[in-house]
Amino acid sequence: LGLTHALRKKIAISVALMANEDSEVVENDVKVRKFKCSNYFGFTKSFLPNKFRTLFFKSKIDQYIKEEKFDLVHIHNPIPTLEMKRVAEMCISQGTPYVVSSHGFNEIIVGKEAYKLNKWYETFAWENLIQKPFSFVVQNASKIFALSKYEIDDILTVGVKRENIEIVTNGVNEYYLESPPEE
């Protein structure tokens, strides 16, 4: 939240997070709202690995966006992609521009090959629950924030136009600003 707190000195910012419980706190003048997630497949907890169930987590962040009428929305994590798409669709329906950080993009862009998804149902699930919602979100974003110039070529492969990509790093630790010690 460091960058959020620094930006808060210049503009109004709220943070919305998916969480286990609903809550709201104000930290250094930044409202942090946590939304309890629901899951249609919660009953599968005893036999379905969490990495599959997380794809179906849903929150009310989209409704929060509708109620608050933000000037700009920043989407940081692509998983769960179905929830990311709901947030993007709400922004589009409200006429609210949104930006997306490339945090987690690599796993989605190379995921089908990296996870060796060969069975028809694995490929079907990957394409429909991850790739298609992800592509919709990034192609409709006002800007994509690449973490470095080395991500640009990968981002272009999912249909994002080069002029919609800006390099915005996650930040620099303050100790890099200090003079190095003699040793």
Protein backbone atom coordinates (compact mmCIF):
# COMPACT_ATOMS: atom_id res chain seq x y z
CA LEU A 1 0.00 0.00 0.00
CA GLY A 2 3.04 2.31 0.02
CA LEU A 3 2.42 3.74 -3.45
CA THR A 4 -1.28 4.05 -2.64
CA HIS A 5 -0.48 6.11 0.46
CA ALA A 6 1.89 8.34 -1.51
CA LEU A 7 -0.67 8.90 -4.26
CA ARG A 8 -3.35 9.59 -1.67
CA LYS A 9 -1.62 12.87 -0.88
CA LYS A 10 -2.55 14.00 -4.42
CA ILE A 11 -5.82 12.19 -5.24
CA ALA A 12 -8.66 10.29 -3.57
CA ILE A 13 -8.03 6.54 -3.54
CA SER A 14 -9.95 3.54 -2.28
CA VAL A 15 -8.71 -0.05 -2.29
CA ALA A 16 -11.04 -3.01 -2.81
CA LEU A 17 -9.87 -6.54 -2.06
CA MET A 18 -11.37 -10.00 -2.24
CA ALA A 19 -11.18 -11.57 1.23
CA ASN A 20 -12.56 -14.15 3.64
CA GLU A 21 -14.71 -11.59 5.47
CA ASP A 22 -16.29 -8.21 4.77
CA SER A 23 -14.53 -5.31 6.45
CA GLU A 24 -13.60 -1.69 6.00
CA VAL A 25 -10.74 0.24 7.54
CA VAL A 26 -9.14 3.60 6.87
CA GLU A 27 -5.37 3.44 6.88
CA ASN A 28 -3.40 6.67 6.37
CA ASP A 29 -6.50 8.28 4.85
CA VAL A 30 -7.02 5.39 2.38
CA LYS A 31 -10.24 3.42 2.62
CA VAL A 32 -9.50 -0.31 2.33
CA ARG A 33 -12.66 -2.31 1.73
CA LYS A 34 -12.55 -6.09 1.86
CA PHE A 35 -15.30 -8.09 0.23
CA LYS A 36 -16.15 -11.59 1.36
CA CYS A 37 -15.92 -14.02 -1.53
CA SER A 38 -18.53 -16.55 -2.46
CA ASN A 39 -18.02 -19.58 -4.63
CA TYR A 40 -20.57 -21.65 -6.51
CA PHE A 41 -18.30 -24.64 -6.06
CA GLY A 42 -17.57 -24.19 -2.36
CA PHE A 43 -19.02 -27.65 -1.71
CA THR A 44 -16.01 -29.16 -3.53
CA LYS A 45 -13.54 -28.07 -0.84
CA SER A 46 -12.98 -31.64 0.38
CA PHE A 47 -11.99 -33.04 -3.02
CA LEU A 48 -11.16 -30.24 -5.50
CA PRO A 49 -7.78 -28.50 -5.15
CA ASN A 50 -7.96 -24.81 -4.25
CA LYS A 51 -6.22 -23.79 -7.48
CA PHE A 52 -9.34 -24.89 -9.36
CA ARG A 53 -11.90 -23.54 -6.92
CA THR A 54 -10.29 -20.08 -6.87
CA LEU A 55 -11.30 -19.64 -10.52
CA PHE A 56 -14.90 -19.33 -9.35
CA PHE A 57 -14.48 -16.91 -6.46
CA LYS A 58 -16.88 -14.01 -6.73
CA SER A 59 -17.21 -10.81 -4.74
CA LYS A 60 -19.29 -7.65 -4.82
CA ILE A 61 -16.46 -5.42 -6.02
CA ASP A 62 -18.35 -4.83 -9.25
CA GLN A 63 -21.31 -3.46 -7.28
CA TYR A 64 -18.95 -1.30 -5.23
CA ILE A 65 -17.65 0.22 -8.47
CA LYS A 66 -21.22 0.88 -9.56
CA GLU A 67 -22.15 2.55 -6.25
CA GLU A 68 -19.02 4.67 -5.85
CA LYS A 69 -18.78 5.86 -9.47
CA PHE A 70 -14.97 5.98 -9.51
CA ASP A 71 -13.06 8.08 -12.05
CA LEU A 72 -10.61 5.25 -12.73
CA VAL A 73 -10.28 1.61 -11.66
CA HIS A 74 -6.99 -0.26 -11.41
CA ILE A 75 -7.14 -4.06 -11.65
CA HIS A 76 -4.04 -5.66 -10.18
CA ASN A 77 -4.47 -9.46 -10.24
CA PRO A 78 -5.85 -11.46 -13.16
CA ILE A 79 -6.94 -14.49 -11.12
CA PRO A 80 -9.79 -15.20 -10.76
CA THR A 81 -10.30 -14.12 -14.34
CA LEU A 82 -14.08 -14.46 -14.24
CA GLU A 83 -14.20 -11.94 -11.37
CA MET A 84 -11.73 -9.69 -13.19
CA LYS A 85 -14.07 -9.77 -16.19
CA ARG A 86 -17.10 -8.87 -14.01
CA VAL A 87 -15.19 -5.85 -12.69
CA ALA A 88 -14.18 -4.81 -16.23
CA GLU A 89 -17.74 -5.24 -17.51
CA MET A 90 -19.05 -3.03 -14.71
CA CYS A 91 -16.47 -0.38 -15.57
CA ILE A 92 -17.47 -0.52 -19.24
CA SER A 93 -21.19 -0.31 -18.43
CA GLN A 94 -20.52 2.72 -16.16
CA GLY A 95 -18.22 4.42 -18.66
CA THR A 96 -15.38 4.15 -16.12
CA PRO A 97 -11.92 3.70 -17.64
CA TYR A 98 -9.81 0.94 -16.13
CA VAL A 99 -6.16 -0.02 -16.23
CA VAL A 100 -4.60 -3.41 -15.58
CA SER A 101 -1.17 -4.21 -14.12
CA SER A 102 0.67 -7.03 -15.85
CA HIS A 103 1.24 -8.76 -12.52
CA GLY A 104 0.43 -12.44 -13.23
CA PHE A 105 0.13 -12.07 -17.01
CA ASN A 106 3.00 -14.43 -17.79
CA GLU A 107 1.29 -17.35 -16.06
CA ILE A 108 -1.79 -16.83 -18.21
CA ILE A 109 0.02 -16.16 -21.48
CA VAL A 110 2.19 -19.30 -21.27
CA GLY A 111 -0.04 -21.29 -18.93
CA LYS A 112 -1.55 -23.72 -21.39
CA GLU A 113 1.90 -24.92 -22.42
CA ALA A 114 3.56 -24.50 -19.01
CA TYR A 115 0.91 -26.58 -17.25
CA LYS A 116 0.96 -29.15 -20.09
CA LEU A 117 -2.78 -29.07 -20.57
CA ASN A 118 -3.33 -31.85 -23.08
CA LYS A 119 -6.68 -33.36 -22.23
CA TRP A 120 -9.63 -31.81 -24.09
CA TYR A 121 -11.41 -30.75 -20.89
CA GLU A 122 -8.26 -29.12 -19.48
CA THR A 123 -7.80 -27.13 -22.68
CA PHE A 124 -11.51 -26.27 -22.80
CA ALA A 125 -11.48 -25.06 -19.20
CA TRP A 126 -8.28 -23.04 -19.68
CA GLU A 127 -9.56 -21.33 -22.80
CA ASN A 128 -13.04 -20.53 -21.43
CA LEU A 129 -12.35 -19.83 -17.76
CA ILE A 130 -8.99 -18.09 -18.09
CA GLN A 131 -7.87 -17.06 -21.57
CA LYS A 132 -11.13 -15.66 -22.98
CA PRO A 133 -12.07 -13.57 -19.91
CA PHE A 134 -8.46 -12.39 -19.62
CA SER A 135 -8.31 -11.38 -23.30
CA PHE A 136 -11.60 -9.49 -23.00
CA VAL A 137 -10.31 -7.52 -20.00
CA VAL A 138 -6.91 -6.57 -21.40
CA GLN A 139 -8.22 -5.73 -24.87
CA ASN A 140 -10.83 -3.36 -23.40
CA ALA A 141 -8.52 -1.71 -20.85
CA SER A 142 -7.59 1.95 -21.25
CA LYS A 143 -3.98 1.05 -20.46
CA ILE A 144 -1.93 -1.97 -19.48
CA PHE A 145 0.81 -1.29 -16.94
CA ALA A 146 3.77 -3.49 -17.88
CA LEU A 147 6.14 -4.07 -15.00
CA SER A 148 9.13 -3.83 -17.33
CA LYS A 149 9.97 -3.37 -21.01
CA TYR A 150 10.68 -7.10 -21.21
CA GLU A 151 6.98 -7.90 -20.86
CA ILE A 152 5.82 -5.84 -23.82
CA ASP A 153 6.27 -8.53 -26.49
CA ASP A 154 4.28 -11.04 -24.42
CA ILE A 155 1.50 -8.53 -23.79
CA LEU A 156 1.24 -7.82 -27.52
CA THR A 157 0.49 -11.53 -28.11
CA VAL A 158 -2.90 -11.22 -26.35
CA GLY A 159 -4.17 -8.50 -28.66
CA VAL A 160 -3.22 -5.38 -26.73
CA LYS A 161 -2.12 -2.47 -28.94
CA ARG A 162 1.38 -1.13 -28.25
CA GLU A 163 0.05 2.39 -27.63
CA ASN A 164 -2.07 1.00 -24.77
CA ILE A 165 0.98 -0.28 -22.87
CA GLU A 166 2.85 1.86 -20.35
CA ILE A 167 5.75 0.76 -18.16
CA VAL A 168 4.82 1.21 -14.50
CA THR A 169 6.94 -0.82 -12.14
CA ASN A 170 5.76 -2.10 -8.77
CA GLY A 171 8.16 0.38 -7.18
CA VAL A 172 11.66 0.61 -5.83
CA ASN A 173 12.67 -0.17 -2.27
CA GLU A 174 13.86 2.98 -0.52
CA TYR A 175 17.21 1.43 0.43
CA TYR A 176 18.21 1.68 -3.25
CA LEU A 177 18.11 5.47 -2.84
CA GLU A 178 20.68 5.41 -0.06
CA SER A 179 24.43 5.69 -0.63
CA PRO A 180 26.04 2.25 -0.68
CA PRO A 181 28.24 1.32 2.29
CA GLU A 182 32.04 1.27 1.82
CA GLU A 183 32.27 -2.53 1.91
